[in-house]
Amino acid sequence: MLETAYLLIKLDRSTPAEVARHVRRVPGVVEAAVTMGDVDVLAIARGETTKTLADIGHRVERIDGVTRVSVCVVVRP
């Protein structure tokens, strides 16, 4: 079964819609949306392992304008 994580993405002054489009292109990201609140973009990622999810988070961090990514792995009890 695939692991799932929410990526909470903070930006510098870059345009959130443009960054969300770039985030959607990262392999493993299944959705990315612009939000209003503490984070600028929220993404959903899926991967084989939690390490895969961390790797996806690192790829997102390299996108121009991204200042911070919190990878929140979903735990289903």
N, C-alpha and C. Protein backbone atom coordinates (compact mmCIF):
# COMPACT_ATOMS: atom_id res chain seq x y z
N MET A 1 0.83 -1.18 0.00
CA MET A 1 0.00 0.00 0.00
C MET A 1 0.88 1.25 0.00
N LEU A 2 0.50 2.25 -0.75
CA LEU A 2 1.28 3.48 -0.81
C LEU A 2 1.14 4.30 0.46
N GLU A 3 2.23 4.92 0.85
CA GLU A 3 2.22 5.86 1.96
C GLU A 3 1.75 7.22 1.44
N THR A 4 1.13 8.00 2.31
CA THR A 4 0.63 9.32 1.95
C THR A 4 1.21 10.36 2.91
N ALA A 5 1.48 11.56 2.37
CA ALA A 5 1.93 12.67 3.22
C ALA A 5 1.31 13.96 2.71
N TYR A 6 1.07 14.86 3.66
CA TYR A 6 0.69 16.23 3.31
C TYR A 6 1.97 17.06 3.36
N LEU A 7 2.18 17.86 2.35
CA LEU A 7 3.34 18.76 2.31
C LEU A 7 2.84 20.18 2.57
N LEU A 8 3.31 20.77 3.65
CA LEU A 8 2.94 22.14 3.99
C LEU A 8 4.07 23.04 3.52
N ILE A 9 3.78 23.88 2.55
CA ILE A 9 4.83 24.61 1.83
C ILE A 9 4.71 26.11 2.08
N LYS A 10 5.80 26.70 2.57
CA LYS A 10 5.87 28.15 2.76
C LYS A 10 6.74 28.74 1.66
N LEU A 11 6.36 29.93 1.23
CA LEU A 11 7.06 30.59 0.13
C LEU A 11 7.66 31.91 0.56
N ASP A 12 8.61 32.38 -0.27
CA ASP A 12 9.06 33.76 -0.12
C ASP A 12 7.97 34.61 -0.78
N ARG A 13 8.30 35.57 -1.48
CA ARG A 13 7.28 36.43 -2.11
C ARG A 13 6.86 35.94 -3.50
N SER A 14 7.17 34.71 -3.83
CA SER A 14 6.81 34.14 -5.13
C SER A 14 5.30 33.97 -5.24
N THR A 15 4.83 33.86 -6.46
CA THR A 15 3.41 33.68 -6.72
C THR A 15 3.00 32.25 -6.36
N PRO A 16 2.08 32.06 -5.40
CA PRO A 16 1.70 30.72 -4.98
C PRO A 16 1.14 29.85 -6.11
N ALA A 17 0.36 30.43 -7.00
CA ALA A 17 -0.23 29.64 -8.09
C ALA A 17 0.86 29.06 -8.99
N GLU A 18 1.87 29.86 -9.28
CA GLU A 18 2.97 29.39 -10.13
C GLU A 18 3.76 28.28 -9.43
N VAL A 19 4.03 28.47 -8.15
CA VAL A 19 4.76 27.45 -7.40
C VAL A 19 3.94 26.16 -7.33
N ALA A 20 2.63 26.28 -7.10
CA ALA A 20 1.77 25.08 -7.04
C ALA A 20 1.83 24.31 -8.35
N ARG A 21 1.88 25.00 -9.46
CA ARG A 21 2.01 24.32 -10.77
C ARG A 21 3.31 23.54 -10.84
N HIS A 22 4.40 24.11 -10.35
CA HIS A 22 5.69 23.41 -10.34
C HIS A 22 5.65 22.21 -9.39
N VAL A 23 5.02 22.39 -8.24
CA VAL A 23 4.93 21.30 -7.26
C VAL A 23 4.18 20.11 -7.88
N ARG A 24 3.10 20.38 -8.62
CA ARG A 24 2.33 19.30 -9.24
C ARG A 24 3.16 18.46 -10.21
N ARG A 25 4.23 19.03 -10.73
CA ARG A 25 5.09 18.30 -11.69
C ARG A 25 6.10 17.38 -11.02
N VAL A 26 6.26 17.49 -9.72
CA VAL A 26 7.22 16.64 -8.99
C VAL A 26 6.65 15.22 -8.95
N PRO A 27 7.42 14.23 -9.38
CA PRO A 27 6.93 12.85 -9.33
C PRO A 27 6.54 12.46 -7.90
N GLY A 28 5.36 11.89 -7.76
CA GLY A 28 4.85 11.49 -6.46
C GLY A 28 3.83 12.45 -5.88
N VAL A 29 3.81 13.68 -6.38
CA VAL A 29 2.80 14.66 -5.93
C VAL A 29 1.53 14.41 -6.72
N VAL A 30 0.42 14.21 -6.02
CA VAL A 30 -0.84 13.93 -6.69
C VAL A 30 -1.78 15.13 -6.71
N GLU A 31 -1.51 16.12 -5.86
CA GLU A 31 -2.33 17.33 -5.84
C GLU A 31 -1.56 18.44 -5.15
N ALA A 32 -1.78 19.67 -5.58
CA ALA A 32 -1.20 20.85 -4.92
C ALA A 32 -2.20 21.99 -5.08
N ALA A 33 -2.45 22.68 -3.98
CA ALA A 33 -3.42 23.77 -3.99
C ALA A 33 -2.87 24.97 -3.23
N VAL A 34 -3.25 26.15 -3.67
CA VAL A 34 -2.89 27.39 -2.98
C VAL A 34 -3.84 27.53 -1.78
N THR A 35 -3.28 27.93 -0.64
CA THR A 35 -4.09 28.11 0.56
C THR A 35 -3.88 29.49 1.15
N MET A 36 -4.80 29.90 1.99
CA MET A 36 -4.66 31.13 2.74
C MET A 36 -4.56 30.75 4.21
N GLY A 37 -3.50 31.18 4.85
CA GLY A 37 -3.29 30.81 6.25
C GLY A 37 -1.81 30.73 6.54
N ASP A 38 -1.44 29.79 7.40
CA ASP A 38 -0.05 29.66 7.83
C ASP A 38 0.87 29.13 6.73
N VAL A 39 0.32 28.39 5.78
CA VAL A 39 1.13 27.89 4.66
C VAL A 39 0.55 28.44 3.37
N ASP A 40 1.39 28.48 2.34
CA ASP A 40 0.98 29.06 1.06
C ASP A 40 0.48 28.02 0.06
N VAL A 41 1.05 26.82 0.12
CA VAL A 41 0.66 25.73 -0.78
C VAL A 41 0.57 24.46 0.05
N LEU A 42 -0.48 23.69 -0.19
CA LEU A 42 -0.66 22.39 0.45
C LEU A 42 -0.66 21.35 -0.66
N ALA A 43 0.16 20.32 -0.49
CA ALA A 43 0.24 19.26 -1.51
C ALA A 43 0.04 17.91 -0.86
N ILE A 44 -0.43 16.97 -1.66
CA ILE A 44 -0.56 15.57 -1.24
C ILE A 44 0.42 14.76 -2.06
N ALA A 45 1.23 13.94 -1.37
CA ALA A 45 2.21 13.11 -2.05
C ALA A 45 1.98 11.66 -1.67
N ARG A 46 2.30 10.77 -2.59
CA ARG A 46 2.20 9.33 -2.34
C ARG A 46 3.49 8.66 -2.80
N GLY A 47 3.94 7.68 -1.99
CA GLY A 47 5.16 6.96 -2.33
C GLY A 47 5.18 5.60 -1.66
N GLU A 48 6.12 4.79 -2.08
CA GLU A 48 6.24 3.42 -1.57
C GLU A 48 6.64 3.37 -0.09
N THR A 49 7.49 4.30 0.34
CA THR A 49 7.98 4.30 1.72
C THR A 49 7.98 5.73 2.26
N THR A 50 8.17 5.85 3.58
CA THR A 50 8.28 7.19 4.15
C THR A 50 9.55 7.90 3.66
N LYS A 51 10.59 7.15 3.36
CA LYS A 51 11.79 7.76 2.79
C LYS A 51 11.48 8.38 1.42
N THR A 52 10.67 7.69 0.65
CA THR A 52 10.25 8.24 -0.65
C THR A 52 9.54 9.57 -0.45
N LEU A 53 8.69 9.64 0.57
CA LEU A 53 7.96 10.89 0.85
C LEU A 53 8.93 12.00 1.24
N ALA A 54 9.95 11.66 2.03
CA ALA A 54 10.96 12.65 2.39
C ALA A 54 11.71 13.14 1.16
N ASP A 55 12.01 12.23 0.25
CA ASP A 55 12.69 12.61 -1.00
C ASP A 55 11.83 13.56 -1.82
N ILE A 56 10.53 13.30 -1.87
CA ILE A 56 9.61 14.20 -2.59
C ILE A 56 9.66 15.58 -1.93
N GLY A 57 9.66 15.62 -0.61
CA GLY A 57 9.75 16.90 0.10
C GLY A 57 11.03 17.65 -0.24
N HIS A 58 12.14 16.93 -0.35
CA HIS A 58 13.42 17.57 -0.72
C HIS A 58 13.37 18.12 -2.14
N ARG A 59 12.70 17.41 -3.05
CA ARG A 59 12.57 17.93 -4.42
C ARG A 59 11.75 19.21 -4.44
N VAL A 60 10.69 19.23 -3.64
CA VAL A 60 9.84 20.43 -3.58
C VAL A 60 10.63 21.60 -2.99
N GLU A 61 11.49 21.35 -2.00
CA GLU A 61 12.30 22.41 -1.40
C GLU A 61 13.21 23.09 -2.42
N ARG A 62 13.57 22.39 -3.46
CA ARG A 62 14.47 22.95 -4.47
C ARG A 62 13.75 23.85 -5.49
N ILE A 63 12.43 23.90 -5.43
CA ILE A 63 11.68 24.76 -6.35
C ILE A 63 11.91 26.21 -5.96
N ASP A 64 12.17 27.04 -6.95
CA ASP A 64 12.43 28.46 -6.74
C ASP A 64 11.24 29.10 -6.02
N GLY A 65 11.52 29.80 -4.93
CA GLY A 65 10.48 30.48 -4.17
C GLY A 65 10.06 29.74 -2.91
N VAL A 66 10.36 28.46 -2.82
CA VAL A 66 10.00 27.68 -1.64
C VAL A 66 11.04 27.93 -0.54
N THR A 67 10.55 28.29 0.64
CA THR A 67 11.46 28.53 1.76
C THR A 67 11.43 27.41 2.79
N ARG A 68 10.32 26.69 2.88
CA ARG A 68 10.21 25.63 3.88
C ARG A 68 9.15 24.62 3.47
N VAL A 69 9.44 23.34 3.71
CA VAL A 69 8.48 22.27 3.46
C VAL A 69 8.41 21.39 4.71
N SER A 70 7.21 21.21 5.23
CA SER A 70 6.99 20.27 6.32
C SER A 70 6.28 19.05 5.72
N VAL A 71 6.89 17.88 5.90
CA VAL A 71 6.32 16.64 5.38
C VAL A 71 5.58 15.97 6.54
N CYS A 72 4.26 15.88 6.43
CA CYS A 72 3.41 15.28 7.47
C CYS A 72 2.89 13.95 6.96
N VAL A 73 3.51 12.87 7.42
CA VAL A 73 3.12 11.53 6.97
C VAL A 73 1.78 11.16 7.63
N VAL A 74 0.87 10.66 6.84
CA VAL A 74 -0.43 10.24 7.33
C VAL A 74 -0.31 8.88 7.98
N VAL A 75 -0.83 8.77 9.21
CA VAL A 75 -0.83 7.49 9.93
C VAL A 75 -2.28 7.07 10.10
N ARG A 76 -2.58 5.90 9.59
CA ARG A 76 -3.94 5.37 9.71
C ARG A 76 -3.95 4.26 10.75
N PRO A 77 -4.52 4.53 11.93
CA PRO A 77 -4.50 3.51 12.99
C PRO A 77 -5.40 2.32 12.66
